């Protein structure tokens, strides 16, 4: 019997370089900068938080030395109509970031 396997991809593939491991809750796709487009947020156990935008393989924004990141979330925490980035660590720290779409800014 002759079998033919076909593969169809509906999205572009990206290969990102992530330097360390991460928890399942450390990966999120959400609109963190309130521009209407989703960004990929990656929180690693080495304390590095990275935001990837528009299909780029290099981080658009990043923060270092935050502690072992266990969970990331995005939402309108203060009911002001703007999303904020929430980062929880295994050490008990809660980091809240306002991420702007303005160039040359950092979430540190």
N, C-alpha and C. Protein backbone atom coordinates (compact mmCIF):
# COMPACT_ATOMS: atom_id res chain seq x y z
N UNK A 1 0.83 -1.17 0.00
CA UNK A 1 0.00 0.00 0.00
C UNK A 1 0.89 1.24 0.00
N UNK A 2 0.63 2.14 -0.89
CA UNK A 2 1.39 3.37 -1.01
C UNK A 2 0.70 4.48 -0.22
N UNK A 3 1.38 4.94 0.81
CA UNK A 3 0.81 6.02 1.63
C UNK A 3 1.59 7.30 1.40
N UNK A 4 0.89 8.36 1.23
CA UNK A 4 1.52 9.66 1.06
C UNK A 4 1.10 10.54 2.23
N UNK A 5 2.09 11.08 2.91
CA UNK A 5 1.81 11.97 4.03
C UNK A 5 1.97 13.39 3.55
N UNK A 6 0.98 14.19 3.83
CA UNK A 6 1.02 15.59 3.45
C UNK A 6 1.00 16.46 4.69
N UNK A 7 1.71 17.53 4.60
CA UNK A 7 1.77 18.48 5.70
C UNK A 7 1.39 19.85 5.18
N UNK A 8 0.49 20.51 5.89
CA UNK A 8 0.08 21.85 5.51
C UNK A 8 0.31 22.76 6.71
N UNK A 9 1.00 23.85 6.47
CA UNK A 9 1.25 24.82 7.53
C UNK A 9 0.51 26.11 7.19
N UNK A 10 -0.29 26.59 8.15
CA UNK A 10 -1.05 27.81 7.94
C UNK A 10 -0.39 29.04 8.56
N UNK A 11 0.71 28.84 9.27
CA UNK A 11 1.41 29.94 9.91
C UNK A 11 2.90 29.84 9.60
N UNK A 12 3.57 30.97 9.70
CA UNK A 12 5.02 30.96 9.55
C UNK A 12 5.65 30.35 10.79
N UNK A 13 6.78 29.71 10.61
CA UNK A 13 7.50 29.13 11.74
C UNK A 13 8.61 30.07 12.18
N UNK A 14 8.76 30.19 13.49
CA UNK A 14 9.84 30.98 14.06
C UNK A 14 10.65 30.10 14.98
N UNK A 15 11.94 30.28 14.99
CA UNK A 15 12.80 29.57 15.92
C UNK A 15 13.45 30.60 16.82
N UNK A 16 13.07 30.57 18.09
CA UNK A 16 13.57 31.54 19.05
C UNK A 16 14.65 30.91 19.90
N UNK A 17 15.64 31.70 20.26
CA UNK A 17 16.68 31.21 21.15
C UNK A 17 16.30 31.59 22.57
N UNK A 18 15.92 30.59 23.35
CA UNK A 18 15.58 30.78 24.75
C UNK A 18 16.74 30.19 25.55
N UNK A 19 17.35 30.99 26.43
CA UNK A 19 18.58 30.58 27.09
C UNK A 19 18.39 29.59 28.23
N UNK A 20 17.19 29.50 28.80
CA UNK A 20 16.98 28.63 29.95
C UNK A 20 15.59 28.01 29.89
N UNK A 21 15.27 27.19 30.87
CA UNK A 21 13.96 26.54 30.95
C UNK A 21 12.90 27.52 31.43
N UNK A 22 11.65 27.13 31.25
CA UNK A 22 10.56 27.95 31.74
C UNK A 22 9.41 27.07 32.20
N UNK A 23 8.61 27.61 33.11
CA UNK A 23 7.40 26.94 33.54
C UNK A 23 6.33 27.09 32.46
N UNK A 24 5.32 26.21 32.47
CA UNK A 24 4.24 26.31 31.49
C UNK A 24 3.55 27.67 31.55
N UNK A 25 3.39 28.22 32.75
CA UNK A 25 2.72 29.49 32.92
C UNK A 25 3.63 30.68 32.62
N UNK A 26 4.86 30.42 32.23
CA UNK A 26 5.82 31.48 31.90
C UNK A 26 5.80 31.86 30.44
N UNK A 27 4.85 31.36 29.69
CA UNK A 27 4.74 31.62 28.25
C UNK A 27 3.34 32.14 27.96
N UNK A 28 3.24 33.28 27.27
CA UNK A 28 1.93 33.91 27.06
C UNK A 28 1.92 34.66 25.74
N UNK A 29 0.79 34.63 25.07
CA UNK A 29 0.55 35.40 23.86
C UNK A 29 -0.56 36.40 24.18
N UNK A 30 -0.22 37.70 24.22
CA UNK A 30 -1.19 38.72 24.60
C UNK A 30 -0.75 40.09 24.10
N UNK A 31 -1.67 41.05 24.11
CA UNK A 31 -1.37 42.42 23.71
C UNK A 31 -0.85 43.19 24.91
N UNK A 32 0.44 43.19 25.09
CA UNK A 32 1.04 43.80 26.27
C UNK A 32 1.26 45.31 26.12
N UNK A 33 1.35 45.83 24.89
CA UNK A 33 1.63 47.25 24.69
C UNK A 33 0.42 48.02 24.15
N UNK A 34 -0.76 47.41 24.18
CA UNK A 34 -2.03 48.06 23.84
C UNK A 34 -2.08 48.61 22.41
N UNK A 35 -1.42 47.91 21.48
CA UNK A 35 -1.45 48.35 20.08
C UNK A 35 -2.42 47.54 19.23
N UNK A 36 -3.10 46.57 19.84
CA UNK A 36 -4.06 45.75 19.12
C UNK A 36 -3.48 44.46 18.57
N UNK A 37 -2.16 44.29 18.61
CA UNK A 37 -1.50 43.08 18.15
C UNK A 37 -0.94 42.31 19.34
N UNK A 38 -0.94 41.00 19.24
CA UNK A 38 -0.41 40.17 20.32
C UNK A 38 1.10 40.05 20.25
N UNK A 39 1.71 40.03 21.40
CA UNK A 39 3.14 39.80 21.53
C UNK A 39 3.34 38.48 22.28
N UNK A 40 4.51 37.87 22.09
CA UNK A 40 4.86 36.65 22.80
C UNK A 40 5.70 37.03 24.01
N UNK A 41 5.23 36.68 25.21
CA UNK A 41 5.94 36.98 26.44
C UNK A 41 6.51 35.68 26.99
N UNK A 42 7.82 35.68 27.29
CA UNK A 42 8.51 34.49 27.77
C UNK A 42 9.22 34.83 29.07
N UNK A 43 8.84 34.16 30.16
CA UNK A 43 9.49 34.33 31.44
C UNK A 43 10.26 33.06 31.78
N UNK A 44 11.57 33.17 31.96
CA UNK A 44 12.42 32.00 32.16
C UNK A 44 12.79 31.84 33.64
N UNK A 45 13.21 30.64 34.00
CA UNK A 45 13.55 30.39 35.40
C UNK A 45 14.86 31.07 35.82
N UNK A 46 15.65 31.57 34.87
CA UNK A 46 16.87 32.29 35.22
C UNK A 46 16.59 33.77 35.50
N UNK A 47 15.32 34.19 35.47
CA UNK A 47 14.95 35.56 35.79
C UNK A 47 14.89 36.50 34.61
N UNK A 48 14.97 35.97 33.40
CA UNK A 48 14.91 36.80 32.20
C UNK A 48 13.49 36.82 31.65
N UNK A 49 12.97 38.03 31.45
CA UNK A 49 11.65 38.23 30.87
C UNK A 49 11.84 38.87 29.50
N UNK A 50 11.30 38.23 28.45
CA UNK A 50 11.48 38.73 27.09
C UNK A 50 10.12 38.89 26.41
N UNK A 51 10.02 39.94 25.58
CA UNK A 51 8.82 40.19 24.80
C UNK A 51 9.22 40.18 23.33
N UNK A 52 8.57 39.31 22.55
CA UNK A 52 8.84 39.21 21.12
C UNK A 52 7.67 39.82 20.37
N UNK A 53 7.95 40.66 19.39
CA UNK A 53 6.92 41.39 18.67
C UNK A 53 7.03 41.16 17.17
N UNK A 54 5.89 41.06 16.51
CA UNK A 54 5.78 41.05 15.05
C UNK A 54 6.62 39.99 14.36
N UNK A 55 6.67 38.79 14.89
CA UNK A 55 7.37 37.70 14.24
C UNK A 55 8.88 37.79 14.30
N UNK A 56 9.42 38.64 15.14
CA UNK A 56 10.87 38.78 15.25
C UNK A 56 11.45 37.65 16.09
N UNK A 57 12.66 37.23 15.76
CA UNK A 57 13.34 36.18 16.53
C UNK A 57 14.19 36.77 17.65
N UNK A 58 14.32 38.09 17.69
CA UNK A 58 15.06 38.76 18.76
C UNK A 58 14.07 39.50 19.65
N UNK A 59 14.32 39.54 20.97
CA UNK A 59 13.39 40.22 21.87
C UNK A 59 13.24 41.70 21.55
N UNK A 60 12.00 42.18 21.61
CA UNK A 60 11.68 43.58 21.43
C UNK A 60 11.97 44.35 22.71
N UNK A 61 11.63 43.76 23.85
CA UNK A 61 11.92 44.28 25.18
C UNK A 61 12.39 43.13 26.06
N UNK A 62 13.23 43.40 27.03
CA UNK A 62 13.64 42.34 27.96
C UNK A 62 14.04 42.94 29.30
N UNK A 63 13.91 42.14 30.33
CA UNK A 63 14.33 42.48 31.69
C UNK A 63 15.12 41.30 32.23
N UNK A 64 16.10 41.59 33.06
CA UNK A 64 16.95 40.55 33.62
C UNK A 64 16.89 40.59 35.14
N UNK A 65 17.33 39.50 35.77
CA UNK A 65 17.49 39.40 37.22
C UNK A 65 16.19 39.63 37.99
N UNK A 66 15.10 39.05 37.53
CA UNK A 66 13.82 39.20 38.21
C UNK A 66 13.56 38.10 39.23
N UNK A 67 14.37 37.05 39.25
CA UNK A 67 14.10 35.89 40.08
C UNK A 67 13.54 34.77 39.22
N UNK A 68 13.27 33.62 39.81
CA UNK A 68 12.76 32.48 39.06
C UNK A 68 11.29 32.75 38.66
N UNK A 69 11.07 33.10 37.40
CA UNK A 69 9.74 33.49 36.93
C UNK A 69 8.86 32.25 36.83
N UNK A 70 7.78 32.27 37.59
CA UNK A 70 6.86 31.13 37.62
C UNK A 70 5.62 31.37 36.78
N UNK A 71 5.23 32.63 36.58
CA UNK A 71 3.98 32.92 35.89
C UNK A 71 4.02 34.34 35.32
N UNK A 72 3.46 34.52 34.13
CA UNK A 72 3.28 35.85 33.54
C UNK A 72 1.83 36.00 33.13
N UNK A 73 1.34 37.23 33.19
CA UNK A 73 -0.03 37.51 32.80
C UNK A 73 -0.14 38.93 32.28
N UNK A 74 -1.18 39.18 31.50
CA UNK A 74 -1.43 40.50 30.93
C UNK A 74 -2.91 40.82 31.12
N UNK A 75 -3.19 42.04 31.57
CA UNK A 75 -4.58 42.45 31.72
C UNK A 75 -4.68 43.88 32.20
N UNK A 76 -5.90 44.37 32.22
CA UNK A 76 -6.21 45.72 32.68
C UNK A 76 -6.38 45.67 34.20
N UNK A 77 -5.27 45.64 34.92
CA UNK A 77 -5.29 45.42 36.37
C UNK A 77 -5.96 46.54 37.14
N UNK A 78 -5.88 47.78 36.65
CA UNK A 78 -6.42 48.91 37.39
C UNK A 78 -7.65 49.51 36.72
N UNK A 79 -8.27 48.78 35.78
CA UNK A 79 -9.48 49.25 35.07
C UNK A 79 -9.31 50.65 34.48
N UNK A 80 -8.18 50.86 33.82
CA UNK A 80 -7.89 52.15 33.20
C UNK A 80 -7.88 52.06 31.67
N UNK A 81 -8.24 50.89 31.13
CA UNK A 81 -8.28 50.73 29.68
C UNK A 81 -6.95 50.40 29.05
N UNK A 82 -5.94 50.08 29.86
CA UNK A 82 -4.61 49.73 29.34
C UNK A 82 -4.12 48.46 30.01
N UNK A 83 -3.57 47.57 29.18
CA UNK A 83 -3.02 46.33 29.72
C UNK A 83 -1.69 46.57 30.42
N UNK A 84 -1.45 45.79 31.46
CA UNK A 84 -0.19 45.78 32.18
C UNK A 84 0.35 44.36 32.17
N UNK A 85 1.67 44.22 32.31
CA UNK A 85 2.32 42.92 32.36
C UNK A 85 2.61 42.57 33.81
N UNK A 86 2.16 41.41 34.23
CA UNK A 86 2.34 40.93 35.59
C UNK A 86 3.29 39.74 35.55
N UNK A 87 4.29 39.75 36.42
CA UNK A 87 5.29 38.68 36.47
C UNK A 87 5.42 38.22 37.92
N UNK A 88 5.13 36.95 38.19
CA UNK A 88 5.25 36.38 39.53
C UNK A 88 6.45 35.45 39.58
N UNK A 89 7.22 35.52 40.68
CA UNK A 89 8.40 34.68 40.82
C UNK A 89 8.20 33.64 41.91
N UNK A 90 9.01 32.60 41.87
CA UNK A 90 8.96 31.54 42.87
C UNK A 90 9.42 32.04 44.23
N UNK A 91 10.17 33.13 44.25
CA UNK A 91 10.63 33.71 45.51
C UNK A 91 9.57 34.57 46.18
N UNK A 92 8.44 34.80 45.50
CA UNK A 92 7.35 35.58 46.07
C UNK A 92 7.26 37.01 45.59
N UNK A 93 8.07 37.40 44.63
CA UNK A 93 8.02 38.76 44.10
C UNK A 93 6.94 38.89 43.04
N UNK A 94 6.31 40.04 43.00
CA UNK A 94 5.33 40.36 41.96
C UNK A 94 5.80 41.64 41.27
N UNK A 95 6.16 41.52 40.00
CA UNK A 95 6.61 42.66 39.21
C UNK A 95 5.48 43.06 38.27
N UNK A 96 5.15 44.34 38.24
CA UNK A 96 4.12 44.87 37.35
C UNK A 96 4.78 45.90 36.44
N UNK A 97 4.58 45.73 35.12
CA UNK A 97 5.20 46.60 34.13
C UNK A 97 4.15 47.24 33.25
N UNK A 98 4.33 48.52 32.96
CA UNK A 98 3.60 49.18 31.89
C UNK A 98 4.56 49.19 30.70
N UNK A 99 4.19 48.53 29.63
CA UNK A 99 5.05 48.40 28.46
C UNK A 99 4.52 49.34 27.38
N UNK A 100 5.34 50.31 27.00
CA UNK A 100 4.97 51.30 26.00
C UNK A 100 5.44 50.85 24.62
N UNK A 101 4.74 51.30 23.60
CA UNK A 101 5.12 51.02 22.22
C UNK A 101 6.14 52.04 21.70
N UNK A 102 6.54 52.98 22.53
CA UNK A 102 7.49 54.01 22.13
C UNK A 102 8.88 53.39 22.04
N UNK A 103 9.62 53.72 20.99
CA UNK A 103 10.96 53.18 20.80
C UNK A 103 11.91 53.70 21.87
N UNK A 104 12.99 52.95 22.09
CA UNK A 104 14.05 53.29 23.03
C UNK A 104 13.58 53.37 24.48
N UNK A 105 12.59 52.58 24.82
CA UNK A 105 12.19 52.48 26.22
C UNK A 105 12.44 51.05 26.68
N UNK A 106 12.54 50.86 27.96
CA UNK A 106 12.79 49.54 28.52
C UNK A 106 11.77 49.25 29.60
N UNK A 107 11.48 47.97 29.82
CA UNK A 107 10.53 47.62 30.88
C UNK A 107 11.22 47.45 32.20
N UNK A 108 12.48 47.86 32.31
CA UNK A 108 13.18 47.77 33.59
C UNK A 108 12.91 48.99 34.43
